[in-house]
């Protein structure tokens, strides 16, 4: 059930995000979720898009360094404590979260969380066993 995420290495310079977003837009691809982590010199732009392979090709042809990474998506109630529940489940089974980001498609109902963990298969199995609703790539694309 892993979700394909684009990870794009970006120099922290004016106009670099323009190249990335224009390349994706010109390829006719929608961005469904994103995260930017930066330092003074560079950043990592992480995206969930409607067509990861086509986006990767478009970005590479624009000179971007991009990879596709497998991540886990979960759907949680949009209420206090929901994220804590997920984090606690994974911690109980010693599954380290490398990074995560979240988004809400319809406020007040459910939030979607994208997790990068050490072992996607183990995390998915544990989350399912603990009653957590996993998201598939098609679920996020359909938002």
C-alpha atoms as a PDB file:
ATOM      1  CA  UNK A   1       0.000   0.000   0.000  1.00  0.00           C
ATOM      2  CA  UNK A   2       3.013   2.290  -0.070  1.00  0.00           C
ATOM      3  CA  UNK A   3       2.590   5.656  -1.744  1.00  0.00           C
ATOM      4  CA  UNK A   4       5.053   7.059  -4.268  1.00  0.00           C
ATOM      5  CA  UNK A   5       6.514  10.374  -3.161  1.00  0.00           C
ATOM      6  CA  UNK A   6       8.803  12.596  -5.203  1.00  0.00           C
ATOM      7  CA  UNK A   7      11.853  13.929  -3.360  1.00  0.00           C
ATOM      8  CA  UNK A   8      13.515  16.810  -5.188  1.00  0.00           C
ATOM      9  CA  UNK A   9      16.861  18.294  -4.206  1.00  0.00           C
ATOM     10  CA  UNK A  10      16.581  22.072  -4.526  1.00  0.00           C
ATOM     11  CA  UNK A  11      19.258  24.723  -4.261  1.00  0.00           C
ATOM     12  CA  UNK A  12      18.110  27.460  -1.916  1.00  0.00           C
ATOM     13  CA  UNK A  13      18.179  30.105  -4.661  1.00  0.00           C
ATOM     14  CA  UNK A  14      15.602  32.431  -6.109  1.00  0.00           C
ATOM     15  CA  UNK A  15      13.519  30.846  -8.868  1.00  0.00           C
ATOM     16  CA  UNK A  16      14.298  27.194  -8.173  1.00  0.00           C
ATOM     17  CA  UNK A  17      10.767  26.378  -6.982  1.00  0.00           C
ATOM     18  CA  UNK A  18       9.432  28.105 -10.104  1.00  0.00           C
ATOM     19  CA  UNK A  19      11.299  25.603 -12.289  1.00  0.00           C
ATOM     20  CA  UNK A  20       9.897  22.692 -10.298  1.00  0.00           C
ATOM     21  CA  UNK A  21       6.294  23.849 -10.132  1.00  0.00           C
ATOM     22  CA  UNK A  22       6.277  24.966 -13.777  1.00  0.00           C
ATOM     23  CA  UNK A  23       7.650  21.580 -14.902  1.00  0.00           C
ATOM     24  CA  UNK A  24       4.921  19.753 -13.008  1.00  0.00           C
ATOM     25  CA  UNK A  25       2.184  22.112 -14.200  1.00  0.00           C
ATOM     26  CA  UNK A  26       3.325  21.948 -17.827  1.00  0.00           C
ATOM     27  CA  UNK A  27       3.198  18.140 -17.646  1.00  0.00           C
ATOM     28  CA  UNK A  28      -0.463  18.390 -16.576  1.00  0.00           C
ATOM     29  CA  UNK A  29       0.127  16.893 -13.144  1.00  0.00           C
ATOM     30  CA  UNK A  30      -1.658  17.890  -9.921  1.00  0.00           C
ATOM     31  CA  UNK A  31       0.139  18.210  -6.597  1.00  0.00           C
ATOM     32  CA  UNK A  32      -1.855  16.557  -3.800  1.00  0.00           C
ATOM     33  CA  UNK A  33       0.483  17.081  -0.842  1.00  0.00           C
ATOM     34  CA  UNK A  34       3.836  18.704  -0.240  1.00  0.00           C
ATOM     35  CA  UNK A  35       6.517  19.387   2.295  1.00  0.00           C
ATOM     36  CA  UNK A  36       9.628  21.543   2.111  1.00  0.00           C
ATOM     37  CA  UNK A  37      12.591  21.039   4.428  1.00  0.00           C
ATOM     38  CA  UNK A  38      15.431  23.483   4.008  1.00  0.00           C
ATOM     39  CA  UNK A  39      18.839  24.533   5.191  1.00  0.00           C
ATOM     40  CA  UNK A  40      20.721  27.666   4.273  1.00  0.00           C
ATOM     41  CA  UNK A  41      22.060  26.178   1.013  1.00  0.00           C
ATOM     42  CA  UNK A  42      19.548  23.574  -0.160  1.00  0.00           C
ATOM     43  CA  UNK A  43      16.213  21.959   0.529  1.00  0.00           C
ATOM     44  CA  UNK A  44      14.222  18.822  -0.095  1.00  0.00           C
ATOM     45  CA  UNK A  45      10.857  19.376  -1.762  1.00  0.00           C
ATOM     46  CA  UNK A  46       8.642  16.342  -1.170  1.00  0.00           C
ATOM     47  CA  UNK A  47       5.489  15.882  -3.223  1.00  0.00           C
ATOM     48  CA  UNK A  48       2.627  13.471  -3.674  1.00  0.00           C
ATOM     49  CA  UNK A  49       1.387  13.960  -7.241  1.00  0.00           C
ATOM     50  CA  UNK A  50      -1.197  12.427  -9.554  1.00  0.00           C
ATOM     51  CA  UNK A  51       1.432  10.821 -11.829  1.00  0.00           C
ATOM     52  CA  UNK A  52       4.787  10.334 -10.070  1.00  0.00           C
ATOM     53  CA  UNK A  53       6.670   8.762 -12.993  1.00  0.00           C
ATOM     54  CA  UNK A  54       5.573  11.421 -15.484  1.00  0.00           C
ATOM     55  CA  UNK A  55       6.446  14.155 -12.961  1.00  0.00           C
ATOM     56  CA  UNK A  56       9.879  12.607 -12.378  1.00  0.00           C
ATOM     57  CA  UNK A  57      10.577  12.570 -16.096  1.00  0.00           C
ATOM     58  CA  UNK A  58       9.409  16.188 -16.516  1.00  0.00           C
ATOM     59  CA  UNK A  59      11.545  17.337 -13.605  1.00  0.00           C
ATOM     60  CA  UNK A  60      14.628  15.471 -14.792  1.00  0.00           C
ATOM     61  CA  UNK A  61      14.273  17.002 -18.247  1.00  0.00           C
ATOM     62  CA  UNK A  62      14.307  20.418 -16.509  1.00  0.00           C
ATOM     63  CA  UNK A  63      17.600  19.559 -14.837  1.00  0.00           C
ATOM     64  CA  UNK A  64      16.237  18.625 -11.415  1.00  0.00           C
ATOM     65  CA  UNK A  65      17.629  15.841  -9.255  1.00  0.00           C
ATOM     66  CA  UNK A  66      14.586  13.796  -8.217  1.00  0.00           C
ATOM     67  CA  UNK A  67      13.898  10.377  -6.736  1.00  0.00           C
ATOM     68  CA  UNK A  68      10.773   8.408  -5.956  1.00  0.00           C
ATOM     69  CA  UNK A  69      10.481   7.276  -2.341  1.00  0.00           C
ATOM     70  CA  UNK A  70       7.939   4.902  -0.825  1.00  0.00           C
ATOM     71  CA  UNK A  71       5.980   6.369   2.093  1.00  0.00           C
ATOM     72  CA  UNK A  72       3.016   5.278   4.206  1.00  0.00           C
ATOM     73  CA  UNK A  73      -0.235   7.224   4.279  1.00  0.00           C
ATOM     74  CA  UNK A  74      -2.809   7.074   7.046  1.00  0.00           C
ATOM     75  CA  UNK A  75      -6.185   8.678   7.577  1.00  0.00           C
ATOM     76  CA  UNK A  76      -6.936   9.877  11.077  1.00  0.00           C
ATOM     77  CA  UNK A  77      -9.862  11.688  12.666  1.00  0.00           C
ATOM     78  CA  UNK A  78      -9.381  15.468  12.641  1.00  0.00           C
ATOM     79  CA  UNK A  79      -9.449  15.727  16.428  1.00  0.00           C
ATOM     80  CA  UNK A  80      -6.979  16.160  19.296  1.00  0.00           C
ATOM     81  CA  UNK A  81      -4.874  13.095  20.027  1.00  0.00           C
ATOM     82  CA  UNK A  82      -5.216  11.352  16.657  1.00  0.00           C
ATOM     83  CA  UNK A  83      -1.617  11.950  15.609  1.00  0.00           C
ATOM     84  CA  UNK A  84      -0.380  11.016  19.086  1.00  0.00           C
ATOM     85  CA  UNK A  85      -2.135   7.649  18.719  1.00  0.00           C
ATOM     86  CA  UNK A  86      -0.262   6.864  15.482  1.00  0.00           C
ATOM     87  CA  UNK A  87       3.094   8.000  16.871  1.00  0.00           C
ATOM     88  CA  UNK A  88       2.568   5.917  20.019  1.00  0.00           C
ATOM     89  CA  UNK A  89       1.644   2.789  18.059  1.00  0.00           C
ATOM     90  CA  UNK A  90       4.801   3.003  15.962  1.00  0.00           C
ATOM     91  CA  UNK A  91       6.963   3.803  19.005  1.00  0.00           C
ATOM     92  CA  UNK A  92       5.545   0.791  20.856  1.00  0.00           C
ATOM     93  CA  UNK A  93       6.873  -1.411  18.040  1.00  0.00           C
ATOM     94  CA  UNK A  94      10.194   0.462  17.756  1.00  0.00           C
ATOM     95  CA  UNK A  95       9.458   1.839  14.296  1.00  0.00           C
ATOM     96  CA  UNK A  96      11.304   5.102  13.805  1.00  0.00           C
ATOM     97  CA  UNK A  97       9.593   7.943  11.945  1.00  0.00           C
ATOM     98  CA  UNK A  98      12.166   9.708   9.781  1.00  0.00           C
ATOM     99  CA  UNK A  99       9.789  12.524   8.836  1.00  0.00           C
ATOM    100  CA  UNK A 100       6.107  13.196   8.317  1.00  0.00           C
ATOM    101  CA  UNK A 101       3.705  15.804   7.026  1.00  0.00           C
ATOM    102  CA  UNK A 102      -0.051  16.125   7.026  1.00  0.00           C
ATOM    103  CA  UNK A 103      -2.897  17.779   5.157  1.00  0.00           C
ATOM    104  CA  UNK A 104      -6.657  18.092   5.474  1.00  0.00           C
ATOM    105  CA  UNK A 105      -8.883  17.702   2.421  1.00  0.00           C
ATOM    106  CA  UNK A 106     -12.200  18.444   4.117  1.00  0.00           C
ATOM    107  CA  UNK A 107     -11.772  20.300   7.392  1.00  0.00           C
ATOM    108  CA  UNK A 108     -13.450  18.812  10.416  1.00  0.00           C
ATOM    109  CA  UNK A 109     -13.598  15.225   9.154  1.00  0.00           C
ATOM    110  CA  UNK A 110     -10.287  13.483   8.590  1.00  0.00           C
ATOM    111  CA  UNK A 111      -6.664  14.434   8.203  1.00  0.00           C
ATOM    112  CA  UNK A 112      -4.168  12.587   6.049  1.00  0.00           C
ATOM    113  CA  UNK A 113      -0.659  11.952   7.324  1.00  0.00           C
ATOM    114  CA  UNK A 114       2.309  10.881   5.218  1.00  0.00           C
ATOM    115  CA  UNK A 115       5.019   9.000   7.107  1.00  0.00           C
ATOM    116  CA  UNK A 116       8.522   8.010   6.072  1.00  0.00           C
ATOM    117  CA  UNK A 117       9.550   5.093   8.287  1.00  0.00           C
ATOM    118  CA  UNK A 118      12.357   2.564   8.406  1.00  0.00           C
ATOM    119  CA  UNK A 119      10.187  -0.371   7.304  1.00  0.00           C
ATOM    120  CA  UNK A 120       6.973   0.419   5.395  1.00  0.00           C
ATOM    121  CA  UNK A 121       5.688  -3.172   5.445  1.00  0.00           C
ATOM    122  CA  UNK A 122       6.133  -3.558   9.194  1.00  0.00           C
ATOM    123  CA  UNK A 123       4.564  -0.148   9.870  1.00  0.00           C
ATOM    124  CA  UNK A 124       1.569  -0.893   7.645  1.00  0.00           C
ATOM    125  CA  UNK A 125       0.985  -4.288   9.299  1.00  0.00           C
ATOM    126  CA  UNK A 126       1.187  -2.819  12.801  1.00  0.00           C
ATOM    127  CA  UNK A 127      -1.059   0.131  11.966  1.00  0.00           C
ATOM    128  CA  UNK A 128      -3.711  -2.136  10.407  1.00  0.00           C
ATOM    129  CA  UNK A 129      -3.582  -4.452  13.430  1.00  0.00           C
ATOM    130  CA  UNK A 130      -4.207  -1.399  15.615  1.00  0.00           C
ATOM    131  CA  UNK A 131      -7.253  -0.275  13.658  1.00  0.00           C
ATOM    132  CA  UNK A 132      -5.614   2.556  11.710  1.00  0.00           C
ATOM    133  CA  UNK A 133      -7.018   3.279   8.256  1.00  0.00           C
ATOM    134  CA  UNK A 134      -4.240   3.269   5.680  1.00  0.00           C
ATOM    135  CA  UNK A 135      -4.382   5.374   2.549  1.00  0.00           C
ATOM    136  CA  UNK A 136      -3.405   4.153  -0.858  1.00  0.00           C
ATOM    137  CA  UNK A 137      -1.930   6.359  -3.555  1.00  0.00           C
ATOM    138  CA  UNK A 138      -5.264   6.313  -5.398  1.00  0.00           C
ATOM    139  CA  UNK A 139      -6.997   7.672  -2.265  1.00  0.00           C
ATOM    140  CA  UNK A 140      -4.762  10.733  -2.177  1.00  0.00           C
ATOM    141  CA  UNK A 141      -4.956  11.276  -5.919  1.00  0.00           C
ATOM    142  CA  UNK A 142      -8.764  11.192  -5.697  1.00  0.00           C
ATOM    143  CA  UNK A 143      -8.840  14.075  -3.179  1.00  0.00           C
END
